[in-house]
Amino acid sequence: MSLSFPYIIKTVRRSRHIRIAIHRDGRVVVTKPFFLSKAMAENFLNSKAAWIEEKLEKFRAMPVSLTRPHLREDYLKNKEAARRLITGRLEYFNRYYNFKYGRISIRDQRTRWGSCSRTGNLNFSYRLVELSPEAADYIVVHELCHLKEFNHSAKFWALVGQVIPDYKERRRELKGKVV
């Protein structure tokens, strides 16, 4: 089967799973572990072609203001406001959890609202300042809880639910948002 969209296959040594990223500008990037062959990655891509086409069509239908790439000026303008917001919310919620964390980074992340490294560093998108306070709090608590449970197991969600009992609704709110 010939695909109707261009794509890039990247091999990432540390990757353990195959992943497809569909960007607002129409790029499709497949990230594969080094032990997976290019042919297997292309087979996987073919199996997901209809889903990818559907997502690309959604991006094409979005108003330009929602799909435009964020400009560096947006990042520089909002980075410190995001740092203040996130640092304050981390301190607030960590009074309950009392977890130890390392560096807090505010980045111009394109695919994630936040992430937590195995060494305890927390990374957040500066775009959290554009979210509702409830959604931003959910992301902060989500990453904070990864310090104890570095997965999305039932234990992890129970930990999140201790301070954000309506986390499922807050997650749903984020589903429609573009990072």
C-alpha atoms as a PDB file:
ATOM      1  CA  MET A   1       0.000   0.000   0.000  1.00  0.00           C
ATOM      2  CA  SER A   2       1.322   3.427  -0.943  1.00  0.00           C
ATOM      3  CA  LEU A   3       0.813   6.102   1.697  1.00  0.00           C
ATOM      4  CA  SER A   4      -0.673   9.421   0.602  1.00  0.00           C
ATOM      5  CA  PHE A   5       1.345  11.488   3.087  1.00  0.00           C
ATOM      6  CA  PRO A   6       5.077  12.020   3.570  1.00  0.00           C
ATOM      7  CA  TYR A   7       6.682  10.566   6.679  1.00  0.00           C
ATOM      8  CA  ILE A   8      10.020  10.288   8.416  1.00  0.00           C
ATOM      9  CA  ILE A   9      11.266   7.219  10.282  1.00  0.00           C
ATOM     10  CA  LYS A  10      13.693   7.967  13.123  1.00  0.00           C
ATOM     11  CA  THR A  11      15.633   5.340  15.040  1.00  0.00           C
ATOM     12  CA  VAL A  12      16.121   6.210  18.698  1.00  0.00           C
ATOM     13  CA  ARG A  13      18.451   3.977  20.685  1.00  0.00           C
ATOM     14  CA  ARG A  14      16.746   4.641  24.032  1.00  0.00           C
ATOM     15  CA  SER A  15      13.250   4.083  22.649  1.00  0.00           C
ATOM     16  CA  ARG A  16      11.500   0.880  23.671  1.00  0.00           C
ATOM     17  CA  HIS A  17       8.292   1.342  21.686  1.00  0.00           C
ATOM     18  CA  ILE A  18       7.282   2.493  18.244  1.00  0.00           C
ATOM     19  CA  ARG A  19       5.518   5.846  18.197  1.00  0.00           C
ATOM     20  CA  ILE A  20       3.783   8.027  15.635  1.00  0.00           C
ATOM     21  CA  ALA A  21       3.762  11.814  16.002  1.00  0.00           C
ATOM     22  CA  ILE A  22       1.503  13.876  13.769  1.00  0.00           C
ATOM     23  CA  HIS A  23       2.456  17.528  13.737  1.00  0.00           C
ATOM     24  CA  ARG A  24       0.222  20.484  12.997  1.00  0.00           C
ATOM     25  CA  ASP A  25       2.250  21.313   9.907  1.00  0.00           C
ATOM     26  CA  GLY A  26       1.422  17.896   8.411  1.00  0.00           C
ATOM     27  CA  ARG A  27       4.667  16.108   9.247  1.00  0.00           C
ATOM     28  CA  VAL A  28       4.338  12.478  10.274  1.00  0.00           C
ATOM     29  CA  VAL A  29       7.279  11.151  12.277  1.00  0.00           C
ATOM     30  CA  VAL A  30       7.645   7.511  13.258  1.00  0.00           C
ATOM     31  CA  THR A  31      10.077   6.890  16.105  1.00  0.00           C
ATOM     32  CA  LYS A  32      11.259   3.300  16.379  1.00  0.00           C
ATOM     33  CA  PRO A  33      13.621   1.427  18.686  1.00  0.00           C
ATOM     34  CA  PHE A  34      16.940   0.373  17.139  1.00  0.00           C
ATOM     35  CA  PHE A  35      15.969  -3.325  17.252  1.00  0.00           C
ATOM     36  CA  LEU A  36      12.895  -2.802  15.051  1.00  0.00           C
ATOM     37  CA  SER A  37      13.530  -2.954  11.307  1.00  0.00           C
ATOM     38  CA  LYS A  38      12.506  -0.183   8.915  1.00  0.00           C
ATOM     39  CA  ALA A  39      10.173  -2.651   7.157  1.00  0.00           C
ATOM     40  CA  MET A  40       8.393  -3.404  10.453  1.00  0.00           C
ATOM     41  CA  ALA A  41       8.022   0.324  11.114  1.00  0.00           C
ATOM     42  CA  GLU A  42       6.553   0.834   7.637  1.00  0.00           C
ATOM     43  CA  ASN A  43       4.126  -2.066   8.196  1.00  0.00           C
ATOM     44  CA  PHE A  44       3.042  -0.440  11.452  1.00  0.00           C
ATOM     45  CA  LEU A  45       2.618   2.883   9.641  1.00  0.00           C
ATOM     46  CA  ASN A  46       0.500   1.197   6.951  1.00  0.00           C
ATOM     47  CA  SER A  47      -1.712  -0.382   9.607  1.00  0.00           C
ATOM     48  CA  LYS A  48      -2.360   3.095  11.082  1.00  0.00           C
ATOM     49  CA  ALA A  49      -2.763   4.932   7.741  1.00  0.00           C
ATOM     50  CA  ALA A  50      -6.518   5.535   8.044  1.00  0.00           C
ATOM     51  CA  TRP A  51      -6.127   6.907  11.566  1.00  0.00           C
ATOM     52  CA  ILE A  52      -3.254   9.170  10.457  1.00  0.00           C
ATOM     53  CA  GLU A  53      -5.273  10.483   7.503  1.00  0.00           C
ATOM     54  CA  GLU A  54      -8.158  11.268   9.854  1.00  0.00           C
ATOM     55  CA  LYS A  55      -5.858  13.256  12.177  1.00  0.00           C
ATOM     56  CA  LEU A  56      -4.221  15.100   9.281  1.00  0.00           C
ATOM     57  CA  GLU A  57      -7.668  16.031   7.979  1.00  0.00           C
ATOM     58  CA  LYS A  58      -8.598  17.442  11.407  1.00  0.00           C
ATOM     59  CA  PHE A  59      -5.483  19.633  11.363  1.00  0.00           C
ATOM     60  CA  ARG A  60      -6.307  20.839   7.836  1.00  0.00           C
ATOM     61  CA  ALA A  61      -9.824  21.776   8.991  1.00  0.00           C
ATOM     62  CA  MET A  62      -8.623  23.773  12.011  1.00  0.00           C
ATOM     63  CA  PRO A  63      -8.493  27.550  11.829  1.00  0.00           C
ATOM     64  CA  VAL A  64      -4.996  28.807  11.067  1.00  0.00           C
ATOM     65  CA  SER A  65      -4.798  30.503  14.477  1.00  0.00           C
ATOM     66  CA  LEU A  66      -4.995  27.077  16.149  1.00  0.00           C
ATOM     67  CA  THR A  67      -2.477  25.407  13.878  1.00  0.00           C
ATOM     68  CA  ARG A  68       0.077  28.186  13.534  1.00  0.00           C
ATOM     69  CA  PRO A  69       3.392  27.315  15.112  1.00  0.00           C
ATOM     70  CA  HIS A  70       3.981  29.230  18.295  1.00  0.00           C
ATOM     71  CA  LEU A  71       6.545  31.899  17.773  1.00  0.00           C
ATOM     72  CA  ARG A  72       9.727  32.202  19.775  1.00  0.00           C
ATOM     73  CA  GLU A  73       8.458  35.587  20.987  1.00  0.00           C
ATOM     74  CA  ASP A  74       5.450  33.842  22.594  1.00  0.00           C
ATOM     75  CA  TYR A  75       7.830  31.555  24.450  1.00  0.00           C
ATOM     76  CA  LEU A  76      10.112  34.361  25.637  1.00  0.00           C
ATOM     77  CA  LYS A  77       7.139  36.514  26.664  1.00  0.00           C
ATOM     78  CA  ASN A  78       5.415  33.769  28.688  1.00  0.00           C
ATOM     79  CA  LYS A  79       8.319  31.684  30.007  1.00  0.00           C
ATOM     80  CA  GLU A  80       8.763  33.544  33.307  1.00  0.00           C
ATOM     81  CA  ALA A  81       5.009  33.781  33.940  1.00  0.00           C
ATOM     82  CA  ALA A  82       4.842  30.012  33.399  1.00  0.00           C
ATOM     83  CA  ARG A  83       7.784  29.468  35.761  1.00  0.00           C
ATOM     84  CA  ARG A  84       6.071  31.503  38.506  1.00  0.00           C
ATOM     85  CA  LEU A  85       2.765  29.685  38.007  1.00  0.00           C
ATOM     86  CA  ILE A  86       4.295  26.206  37.926  1.00  0.00           C
ATOM     87  CA  THR A  87       6.732  26.774  40.798  1.00  0.00           C
ATOM     88  CA  GLY A  88       3.921  28.126  42.976  1.00  0.00           C
ATOM     89  CA  ARG A  89       1.589  25.237  42.155  1.00  0.00           C
ATOM     90  CA  LEU A  90       4.374  22.647  42.681  1.00  0.00           C
ATOM     91  CA  GLU A  91       5.111  24.107  46.119  1.00  0.00           C
ATOM     92  CA  TYR A  92       1.404  24.145  46.958  1.00  0.00           C
ATOM     93  CA  PHE A  93       0.692  20.538  45.945  1.00  0.00           C
ATOM     94  CA  ASN A  94       3.987  19.189  47.260  1.00  0.00           C
ATOM     95  CA  ARG A  95       2.963  20.235  50.766  1.00  0.00           C
ATOM     96  CA  TYR A  96       0.658  17.229  50.533  1.00  0.00           C
ATOM     97  CA  TYR A  97       2.985  14.788  48.739  1.00  0.00           C
ATOM     98  CA  ASN A  98       6.363  15.911  50.104  1.00  0.00           C
ATOM     99  CA  PHE A  99       8.301  14.479  47.121  1.00  0.00           C
ATOM    100  CA  LYS A 100      11.858  15.472  46.289  1.00  0.00           C
ATOM    101  CA  TYR A 101      12.372  16.853  42.817  1.00  0.00           C
ATOM    102  CA  GLY A 102      15.319  18.312  40.957  1.00  0.00           C
ATOM    103  CA  ARG A 103      15.388  20.983  38.316  1.00  0.00           C
ATOM    104  CA  ILE A 104      12.208  22.619  36.995  1.00  0.00           C
ATOM    105  CA  SER A 105      12.475  23.501  33.304  1.00  0.00           C
ATOM    106  CA  ILE A 106      10.061  25.619  31.305  1.00  0.00           C
ATOM    107  CA  ARG A 107      10.358  24.721  27.644  1.00  0.00           C
ATOM    108  CA  ASP A 108       8.820  25.282  24.274  1.00  0.00           C
ATOM    109  CA  GLN A 109       7.720  21.641  24.105  1.00  0.00           C
ATOM    110  CA  ARG A 110       5.799  20.730  20.974  1.00  0.00           C
ATOM    111  CA  THR A 111       4.224  17.415  21.926  1.00  0.00           C
ATOM    112  CA  ARG A 112       3.790  17.346  25.707  1.00  0.00           C
ATOM    113  CA  TRP A 113       2.370  19.534  28.430  1.00  0.00           C
ATOM    114  CA  GLY A 114       4.909  18.169  30.866  1.00  0.00           C
ATOM    115  CA  SER A 115       7.322  15.366  31.598  1.00  0.00           C
ATOM    116  CA  CYS A 116       9.298  13.898  34.465  1.00  0.00           C
ATOM    117  CA  SER A 117      12.777  12.399  34.122  1.00  0.00           C
ATOM    118  CA  ARG A 118      13.977   9.374  36.042  1.00  0.00           C
ATOM    119  CA  THR A 119      16.393  11.666  37.877  1.00  0.00           C
ATOM    120  CA  GLY A 120      13.487  13.740  39.248  1.00  0.00           C
ATOM    121  CA  ASN A 121      13.684  16.745  36.939  1.00  0.00           C
ATOM    122  CA  LEU A 122      10.333  18.224  35.941  1.00  0.00           C
ATOM    123  CA  ASN A 123       9.744  19.795  32.525  1.00  0.00           C
ATOM    124  CA  PHE A 124       6.721  21.837  31.550  1.00  0.00           C
ATOM    125  CA  SER A 125       5.486  23.606  28.449  1.00  0.00           C
ATOM    126  CA  TYR A 126       5.273  27.364  28.822  1.00  0.00           C
ATOM    127  CA  ARG A 127       1.794  27.047  27.290  1.00  0.00           C
ATOM    128  CA  LEU A 128       0.388  25.999  30.682  1.00  0.00           C
ATOM    129  CA  VAL A 129      -0.286  29.719  31.226  1.00  0.00           C
ATOM    130  CA  GLU A 130      -2.859  29.496  28.401  1.00  0.00           C
ATOM    131  CA  LEU A 131      -4.865  26.739  30.140  1.00  0.00           C
ATOM    132  CA  SER A 132      -7.567  26.970  32.751  1.00  0.00           C
ATOM    133  CA  PRO A 133      -6.201  26.880  36.331  1.00  0.00           C
ATOM    134  CA  GLU A 134      -7.826  23.439  36.801  1.00  0.00           C
ATOM    135  CA  ALA A 135      -6.117  21.965  33.730  1.00  0.00           C
ATOM    136  CA  ALA A 136      -2.743  23.489  34.672  1.00  0.00           C
ATOM    137  CA  ASP A 137      -3.065  22.097  38.227  1.00  0.00           C
ATOM    138  CA  TYR A 138      -3.833  18.650  36.816  1.00  0.00           C
ATOM    139  CA  ILE A 139      -0.648  18.699  34.710  1.00  0.00           C
ATOM    140  CA  VAL A 140       1.480  19.855  37.651  1.00  0.00           C
ATOM    141  CA  VAL A 141       0.069  17.121  39.918  1.00  0.00           C
ATOM    142  CA  HIS A 142       0.389  14.514  37.133  1.00  0.00           C
ATOM    143  CA  GLU A 143       4.124  15.188  36.744  1.00  0.00           C
ATOM    144  CA  LEU A 144       4.627  15.473  40.496  1.00  0.00           C
ATOM    145  CA  CYS A 145       3.083  12.014  40.991  1.00  0.00           C
ATOM    146  CA  HIS A 146       5.504  10.536  38.444  1.00  0.00           C
ATOM    147  CA  LEU A 147       8.235  11.151  41.013  1.00  0.00           C
ATOM    148  CA  LYS A 148       6.764   8.277  43.044  1.00  0.00           C
ATOM    149  CA  GLU A 149       5.122   6.179  40.291  1.00  0.00           C
ATOM    150  CA  PHE A 150       7.029   6.424  37.020  1.00  0.00           C
ATOM    151  CA  ASN A 151       4.169   4.882  35.024  1.00  0.00           C
ATOM    152  CA  HIS A 152       0.409   5.188  34.497  1.00  0.00           C
ATOM    153  CA  SER A 153      -0.631   2.300  36.715  1.00  0.00           C
ATOM    154  CA  ALA A 154      -3.646   2.184  39.017  1.00  0.00           C
ATOM    155  CA  LYS A 155      -1.324   3.249  41.873  1.00  0.00           C
ATOM    156  CA  PHE A 156      -0.300   6.319  39.886  1.00  0.00           C
ATOM    157  CA  TRP A 157      -3.895   7.364  39.180  1.00  0.00           C
ATOM    158  CA  ALA A 158      -4.829   6.778  42.831  1.00  0.00           C
ATOM    159  CA  LEU A 159      -1.986   9.094  43.811  1.00  0.00           C
ATOM    160  CA  VAL A 160      -3.207  11.790  41.396  1.00  0.00           C
ATOM    161  CA  GLY A 161      -6.786  11.284  42.633  1.00  0.00           C
ATOM    162  CA  GLN A 162      -5.796  12.049  46.216  1.00  0.00           C
ATOM    163  CA  VAL A 163      -5.580  15.763  45.397  1.00  0.00           C
ATOM    164  CA  ILE A 164      -7.391  15.953  42.051  1.00  0.00           C
ATOM    165  CA  PRO A 165     -10.405  13.661  42.446  1.00  0.00           C
ATOM    166  CA  ASP A 166     -11.902  14.931  39.156  1.00  0.00           C
ATOM    167  CA  TYR A 167      -8.697  14.270  37.170  1.00  0.00           C
ATOM    168  CA  LYS A 168     -10.612  12.346  34.476  1.00  0.00           C
ATOM    169  CA  GLU A 169     -12.679  15.429  33.614  1.00  0.00           C
ATOM    170  CA  ARG A 170      -9.567  17.603  33.592  1.00  0.00           C
ATOM    171  CA  ARG A 171      -7.829  15.145  31.247  1.00  0.00           C
ATOM    172  CA  ARG A 172     -10.835  15.282  28.931  1.00  0.00           C
ATOM    173  CA  GLU A 173     -10.555  19.082  28.836  1.00  0.00           C
ATOM    174  CA  LEU A 174      -6.956  18.749  27.638  1.00  0.00           C
ATOM    175  CA  LYS A 175      -7.777  16.237  24.889  1.00  0.00           C
ATOM    176  CA  GLY A 176      -9.050  19.001  22.617  1.00  0.00           C
ATOM    177  CA  LYS A 177      -6.136  21.348  23.289  1.00  0.00           C
ATOM    178  CA  VAL A 178      -3.128  21.549  21.022  1.00  0.00           C
ATOM    179  CA  VAL A 179       0.249  21.816  22.782  1.00  0.00           C
END
